[in-house]
C-alpha cells in the first residue's frame, strides 16, 4: 500500500478512530520509554522508537484539536516537535543548549489541556488533569528543583494527567458527532 493511499485512508477515518490510534502510539511511547530506562544496550534505539511514536501522537493530536482552535493546536504541536528534536539532538550530544525536553512537553500538555477543556468532545476534567501534568513538567525549568522533586511529585503529576487521557482515548475515543459540530463551527 502506497503512502498516498495510507494518508488518504487516514484522512477519511473518523475522529474517534484517529483518537484511538493516537492513544495506541501514546501507549507505545510509554512502553519504549520504559525500555529506554532499563536497557543498557539499545537505549538509543528505544528512545528513537519512542520519539517516532510520539511524533505520530503529536500529528494526530494536532488534527483532533484544530477543531477547537487551529492556532493553539499548531503552537502545541510545534512545542512538542521542538521537544522531540531536542531529545534526539541531546541523545547524540548535538544540542548546543541545555534545556530539558520536558519543558517543551510541559508546554504541550498545558496547551492540549486548555484545548481539551475548551472542546465539546472530551470531558473537561481530562483537560484540567493534563494542565496539572504540564505544570509538573514545567518544574524542569529549574533542574536542581526538578531532580529533587521528580519522584514522586513530577512523575505523579504527569501520571495523574496523562494516564487518564491515554485510557480515555484508547477505550472511548472522542465523540464523533460533537467533534464534527465543533469542527464545523471552527471552519474545518
C-alpha atoms as a PDB file:
ATOM      1  CA  UNK A   1       0.000   0.000   0.000  1.00  0.00           C
ATOM      2  CA  UNK A   2       1.471   3.360  -1.005  1.00  0.00           C
ATOM      3  CA  UNK A   3       1.962   6.235   1.410  1.00  0.00           C
ATOM      4  CA  UNK A   4      -0.557   8.332  -0.523  1.00  0.00           C
ATOM      5  CA  UNK A   5      -3.238   5.650  -0.143  1.00  0.00           C
ATOM      6  CA  UNK A   6      -2.479   5.298   3.578  1.00  0.00           C
ATOM      7  CA  UNK A   7      -2.698   9.078   4.081  1.00  0.00           C
ATOM      8  CA  UNK A   8      -5.977   9.218   2.158  1.00  0.00           C
ATOM      9  CA  UNK A   9      -7.487   6.442   4.271  1.00  0.00           C
ATOM     10  CA  UNK A  10      -6.298   8.132   7.442  1.00  0.00           C
ATOM     11  CA  UNK A  11      -7.840  11.443   6.319  1.00  0.00           C
ATOM     12  CA  UNK A  12     -11.172   9.678   5.818  1.00  0.00           C
ATOM     13  CA  UNK A  13     -11.063   7.950   9.211  1.00  0.00           C
ATOM     14  CA  UNK A  14     -13.449   9.085  11.932  1.00  0.00           C
ATOM     15  CA  UNK A  15     -12.182  11.371  14.712  1.00  0.00           C
ATOM     16  CA  UNK A  16     -12.879   8.579  17.215  1.00  0.00           C
ATOM     17  CA  UNK A  17     -10.668   6.170  15.263  1.00  0.00           C
ATOM     18  CA  UNK A  18      -7.893   8.787  14.988  1.00  0.00           C
ATOM     19  CA  UNK A  19      -8.079   9.396  18.734  1.00  0.00           C
ATOM     20  CA  UNK A  20      -7.785   5.682  19.422  1.00  0.00           C
ATOM     21  CA  UNK A  21      -4.810   5.366  17.044  1.00  0.00           C
ATOM     22  CA  UNK A  22      -3.190   8.342  18.805  1.00  0.00           C
ATOM     23  CA  UNK A  23      -3.717   6.507  22.109  1.00  0.00           C
ATOM     24  CA  UNK A  24      -2.032   3.366  20.742  1.00  0.00           C
ATOM     25  CA  UNK A  25       1.000   5.436  19.726  1.00  0.00           C
ATOM     26  CA  UNK A  26       0.892   7.199  23.119  1.00  0.00           C
ATOM     27  CA  UNK A  27       0.961   3.815  24.849  1.00  0.00           C
ATOM     28  CA  UNK A  28       3.867   2.722  22.638  1.00  0.00           C
ATOM     29  CA  UNK A  29       5.679   5.919  23.656  1.00  0.00           C
ATOM     30  CA  UNK A  30       5.316   4.935  27.325  1.00  0.00           C
ATOM     31  CA  UNK A  31       6.440   1.356  26.673  1.00  0.00           C
ATOM     32  CA  UNK A  32       9.513   2.376  24.661  1.00  0.00           C
ATOM     33  CA  UNK A  33      10.323   4.987  27.330  1.00  0.00           C
ATOM     34  CA  UNK A  34      10.333   2.287  29.987  1.00  0.00           C
ATOM     35  CA  UNK A  35      12.607   0.137  27.815  1.00  0.00           C
ATOM     36  CA  UNK A  36      14.924   3.120  27.339  1.00  0.00           C
ATOM     37  CA  UNK A  37      15.187   3.488  31.114  1.00  0.00           C
ATOM     38  CA  UNK A  38      16.072  -0.150  31.790  1.00  0.00           C
ATOM     39  CA  UNK A  39      18.124  -1.077  28.738  1.00  0.00           C
ATOM     40  CA  UNK A  40      21.850  -0.533  28.674  1.00  0.00           C
ATOM     41  CA  UNK A  41      22.355  -1.712  25.115  1.00  0.00           C
ATOM     42  CA  UNK A  42      19.715  -0.470  22.744  1.00  0.00           C
ATOM     43  CA  UNK A  43      18.781   2.599  24.772  1.00  0.00           C
ATOM     44  CA  UNK A  44      19.180   4.905  21.750  1.00  0.00           C
ATOM     45  CA  UNK A  45      17.042   2.603  19.609  1.00  0.00           C
ATOM     46  CA  UNK A  46      14.285   2.586  22.230  1.00  0.00           C
ATOM     47  CA  UNK A  47      14.484   6.383  22.560  1.00  0.00           C
ATOM     48  CA  UNK A  48      14.299   6.859  18.788  1.00  0.00           C
ATOM     49  CA  UNK A  49      11.351   4.457  18.530  1.00  0.00           C
ATOM     50  CA  UNK A  50       9.607   6.304  21.344  1.00  0.00           C
ATOM     51  CA  UNK A  51      10.224   9.628  19.653  1.00  0.00           C
ATOM     52  CA  UNK A  52       8.804   8.310  16.371  1.00  0.00           C
ATOM     53  CA  UNK A  53       5.686   7.102  18.202  1.00  0.00           C
ATOM     54  CA  UNK A  54       5.332  10.437  19.949  1.00  0.00           C
ATOM     55  CA  UNK A  55       5.581  12.332  16.649  1.00  0.00           C
ATOM     56  CA  UNK A  56       2.583  10.277  15.487  1.00  0.00           C
ATOM     57  CA  UNK A  57       0.730  11.287  18.687  1.00  0.00           C
ATOM     58  CA  UNK A  58       1.568  14.944  18.058  1.00  0.00           C
ATOM     59  CA  UNK A  59       0.340  14.893  14.463  1.00  0.00           C
ATOM     60  CA  UNK A  60      -2.870  13.046  15.288  1.00  0.00           C
ATOM     61  CA  UNK A  61      -3.491  15.335  18.266  1.00  0.00           C
ATOM     62  CA  UNK A  62      -2.975  18.396  16.080  1.00  0.00           C
ATOM     63  CA  UNK A  63      -5.658  17.113  13.720  1.00  0.00           C
ATOM     64  CA  UNK A  64      -8.073  16.364  16.574  1.00  0.00           C
ATOM     65  CA  UNK A  65      -7.623  19.660  18.410  1.00  0.00           C
ATOM     66  CA  UNK A  66      -7.531  22.001  15.434  1.00  0.00           C
ATOM     67  CA  UNK A  67     -11.316  21.584  15.594  1.00  0.00           C
ATOM     68  CA  UNK A  68     -11.163  23.603  18.838  1.00  0.00           C
ATOM     69  CA  UNK A  69      -8.541  26.181  17.869  1.00  0.00           C
ATOM     70  CA  UNK A  70      -6.203  25.690  14.920  1.00  0.00           C
ATOM     71  CA  UNK A  71      -3.607  28.225  16.123  1.00  0.00           C
ATOM     72  CA  UNK A  72      -3.304  26.839  19.650  1.00  0.00           C
ATOM     73  CA  UNK A  73      -3.216  23.282  18.313  1.00  0.00           C
ATOM     74  CA  UNK A  74      -0.419  24.226  15.900  1.00  0.00           C
ATOM     75  CA  UNK A  75       1.505  26.001  18.670  1.00  0.00           C
ATOM     76  CA  UNK A  76       1.182  22.910  20.875  1.00  0.00           C
ATOM     77  CA  UNK A  77       2.433  20.684  18.047  1.00  0.00           C
ATOM     78  CA  UNK A  78       5.404  22.994  17.422  1.00  0.00           C
ATOM     79  CA  UNK A  79       6.430  22.943  21.093  1.00  0.00           C
ATOM     80  CA  UNK A  80       6.188  19.172  21.265  1.00  0.00           C
ATOM     81  CA  UNK A  81       8.060  18.653  17.989  1.00  0.00           C
ATOM     82  CA  UNK A  82      10.772  21.001  19.307  1.00  0.00           C
ATOM     83  CA  UNK A  83      10.962  18.805  22.414  1.00  0.00           C
ATOM     84  CA  UNK A  84      11.344  15.706  20.239  1.00  0.00           C
ATOM     85  CA  UNK A  85      14.086  17.373  18.192  1.00  0.00           C
ATOM     86  CA  UNK A  86      15.802  18.460  21.408  1.00  0.00           C
ATOM     87  CA  UNK A  87      15.658  14.869  22.705  1.00  0.00           C
ATOM     88  CA  UNK A  88      17.238  13.449  19.568  1.00  0.00           C
ATOM     89  CA  UNK A  89      19.938  16.134  19.436  1.00  0.00           C
ATOM     90  CA  UNK A  90      20.716  15.666  23.142  1.00  0.00           C
ATOM     91  CA  UNK A  91      20.882  11.908  22.717  1.00  0.00           C
ATOM     92  CA  UNK A  92      23.798  12.363  20.329  1.00  0.00           C
ATOM     93  CA  UNK A  93      25.299  15.346  22.229  1.00  0.00           C
ATOM     94  CA  UNK A  94      24.418  17.711  19.369  1.00  0.00           C
ATOM     95  CA  UNK A  95      22.218  20.160  21.270  1.00  0.00           C
ATOM     96  CA  UNK A  96      24.026  23.479  21.604  1.00  0.00           C
ATOM     97  CA  UNK A  97      21.893  24.463  24.592  1.00  0.00           C
ATOM     98  CA  UNK A  98      20.945  22.670  27.767  1.00  0.00           C
ATOM     99  CA  UNK A  99      17.191  22.766  28.313  1.00  0.00           C
ATOM    100  CA  UNK A 100      15.167  19.759  29.318  1.00  0.00           C
ATOM    101  CA  UNK A 101      12.816  18.483  26.647  1.00  0.00           C
ATOM    102  CA  UNK A 102      10.306  18.050  29.450  1.00  0.00           C
ATOM    103  CA  UNK A 103       9.836  21.842  29.456  1.00  0.00           C
ATOM    104  CA  UNK A 104       8.664  21.631  25.824  1.00  0.00           C
ATOM    105  CA  UNK A 105       6.399  18.702  26.677  1.00  0.00           C
ATOM    106  CA  UNK A 106       5.079  20.590  29.715  1.00  0.00           C
ATOM    107  CA  UNK A 107       4.081  23.474  27.461  1.00  0.00           C
ATOM    108  CA  UNK A 108       2.466  20.968  25.101  1.00  0.00           C
ATOM    109  CA  UNK A 109       0.464  19.451  27.969  1.00  0.00           C
ATOM    110  CA  UNK A 110      -0.660  22.915  29.128  1.00  0.00           C
ATOM    111  CA  UNK A 111      -1.865  23.834  25.638  1.00  0.00           C
ATOM    112  CA  UNK A 112      -3.549  20.487  24.916  1.00  0.00           C
ATOM    113  CA  UNK A 113      -5.136  20.580  28.380  1.00  0.00           C
ATOM    114  CA  UNK A 114      -6.562  24.005  27.515  1.00  0.00           C
ATOM    115  CA  UNK A 115      -7.874  22.673  24.183  1.00  0.00           C
ATOM    116  CA  UNK A 116      -9.465  19.659  25.869  1.00  0.00           C
ATOM    117  CA  UNK A 117     -11.119  21.965  28.410  1.00  0.00           C
ATOM    118  CA  UNK A 118     -12.500  24.121  25.575  1.00  0.00           C
ATOM    119  CA  UNK A 119     -13.589  21.123  23.495  1.00  0.00           C
ATOM    120  CA  UNK A 120     -17.085  19.698  23.492  1.00  0.00           C
ATOM    121  CA  UNK A 121     -15.980  16.194  22.500  1.00  0.00           C
ATOM    122  CA  UNK A 122     -13.886  15.202  25.557  1.00  0.00           C
ATOM    123  CA  UNK A 123     -14.590  15.529  29.300  1.00  0.00           C
ATOM    124  CA  UNK A 124     -13.248  18.798  30.720  1.00  0.00           C
ATOM    125  CA  UNK A 125     -11.705  17.028  33.706  1.00  0.00           C
ATOM    126  CA  UNK A 126      -9.175  15.443  31.318  1.00  0.00           C
ATOM    127  CA  UNK A 127      -8.086  18.945  30.325  1.00  0.00           C
ATOM    128  CA  UNK A 128      -7.700  20.025  33.946  1.00  0.00           C
ATOM    129  CA  UNK A 129      -5.652  16.921  34.743  1.00  0.00           C
ATOM    130  CA  UNK A 130      -3.426  17.452  31.705  1.00  0.00           C
ATOM    131  CA  UNK A 131      -2.770  21.058  32.763  1.00  0.00           C
ATOM    132  CA  UNK A 132      -1.641  19.698  36.152  1.00  0.00           C
ATOM    133  CA  UNK A 133       0.697  17.314  34.309  1.00  0.00           C
ATOM    134  CA  UNK A 134       2.022  20.206  32.226  1.00  0.00           C
ATOM    135  CA  UNK A 135       2.715  22.280  35.335  1.00  0.00           C
ATOM    136  CA  UNK A 136       4.584  19.317  36.781  1.00  0.00           C
ATOM    137  CA  UNK A 137       6.789  19.035  33.681  1.00  0.00           C
ATOM    138  CA  UNK A 138       7.406  22.811  33.737  1.00  0.00           C
ATOM    139  CA  UNK A 139       9.279  22.389  37.035  1.00  0.00           C
ATOM    140  CA  UNK A 140      12.116  21.179  34.789  1.00  0.00           C
ATOM    141  CA  UNK A 141      12.836  24.855  34.101  1.00  0.00           C
ATOM    142  CA  UNK A 142      14.837  24.536  37.316  1.00  0.00           C
ATOM    143  CA  UNK A 143      16.894  21.328  37.033  1.00  0.00           C
ATOM    144  CA  UNK A 144      18.002  21.272  40.711  1.00  0.00           C
ATOM    145  CA  UNK A 145      14.406  21.509  41.929  1.00  0.00           C
ATOM    146  CA  UNK A 146      13.233  19.040  39.278  1.00  0.00           C
ATOM    147  CA  UNK A 147      15.833  16.428  40.236  1.00  0.00           C
ATOM    148  CA  UNK A 148      14.779  16.749  43.872  1.00  0.00           C
ATOM    149  CA  UNK A 149      11.030  16.542  43.126  1.00  0.00           C
ATOM    150  CA  UNK A 150      10.938  14.136  40.171  1.00  0.00           C
ATOM    151  CA  UNK A 151       9.782  11.097  42.142  1.00  0.00           C
ATOM    152  CA  UNK A 152       7.015  11.096  43.287  1.00  0.00           C
ATOM    153  CA  UNK A 153       5.784  14.651  42.639  1.00  0.00           C
ATOM    154  CA  UNK A 154       6.560  15.422  38.990  1.00  0.00           C
ATOM    155  CA  UNK A 155       6.094  11.823  37.845  1.00  0.00           C
ATOM    156  CA  UNK A 156       2.882  11.662  39.884  1.00  0.00           C
ATOM    157  CA  UNK A 157       1.512  14.867  38.345  1.00  0.00           C
ATOM    158  CA  UNK A 158       2.333  13.526  34.899  1.00  0.00           C
ATOM    159  CA  UNK A 159       0.665  10.199  35.583  1.00  0.00           C
ATOM    160  CA  UNK A 160      -2.375  11.980  37.035  1.00  0.00           C
ATOM    161  CA  UNK A 161      -2.891  13.841  33.764  1.00  0.00           C
ATOM    162  CA  UNK A 162      -1.524  11.661  31.027  1.00  0.00           C
ATOM    163  CA  UNK A 163      -2.729   8.174  32.033  1.00  0.00           C
ATOM    164  CA  UNK A 164      -6.452   9.083  32.281  1.00  0.00           C
ATOM    165  CA  UNK A 165      -6.233  10.827  28.902  1.00  0.00           C
ATOM    166  CA  UNK A 166      -4.466   7.824  27.369  1.00  0.00           C
ATOM    167  CA  UNK A 167      -7.051   5.401  28.750  1.00  0.00           C
ATOM    168  CA  UNK A 168      -9.989   7.596  27.721  1.00  0.00           C
ATOM    169  CA  UNK A 169      -8.731   7.928  24.151  1.00  0.00           C
ATOM    170  CA  UNK A 170      -7.902   4.227  23.955  1.00  0.00           C
ATOM    171  CA  UNK A 171     -11.249   2.978  25.305  1.00  0.00           C
ATOM    172  CA  UNK A 172     -13.751   5.716  24.424  1.00  0.00           C
ATOM    173  CA  UNK A 173     -12.045   7.949  21.860  1.00  0.00           C
ATOM    174  CA  UNK A 174     -13.822  11.212  21.114  1.00  0.00           C
ATOM    175  CA  UNK A 175     -17.484  11.916  20.458  1.00  0.00           C
ATOM    176  CA  UNK A 176     -17.587  11.968  16.628  1.00  0.00           C
ATOM    177  CA  UNK A 177     -20.800  13.958  16.368  1.00  0.00           C
ATOM    178  CA  UNK A 178     -19.619  16.646  18.798  1.00  0.00           C
ATOM    179  CA  UNK A 179     -16.161  16.778  17.157  1.00  0.00           C
ATOM    180  CA  UNK A 180     -17.768  17.387  13.763  1.00  0.00           C
ATOM    181  CA  UNK A 181     -20.065  20.007  15.299  1.00  0.00           C
ATOM    182  CA  UNK A 182     -17.108  21.852  16.828  1.00  0.00           C
ATOM    183  CA  UNK A 183     -15.015  21.458  13.660  1.00  0.00           C
ATOM    184  CA  UNK A 184     -17.780  22.930  11.510  1.00  0.00           C
ATOM    185  CA  UNK A 185     -18.016  25.878  13.901  1.00  0.00           C
ATOM    186  CA  UNK A 186     -14.241  26.372  13.637  1.00  0.00           C
ATOM    187  CA  UNK A 187     -14.400  26.364   9.851  1.00  0.00           C
ATOM    188  CA  UNK A 188     -12.808  22.943   9.392  1.00  0.00           C
END
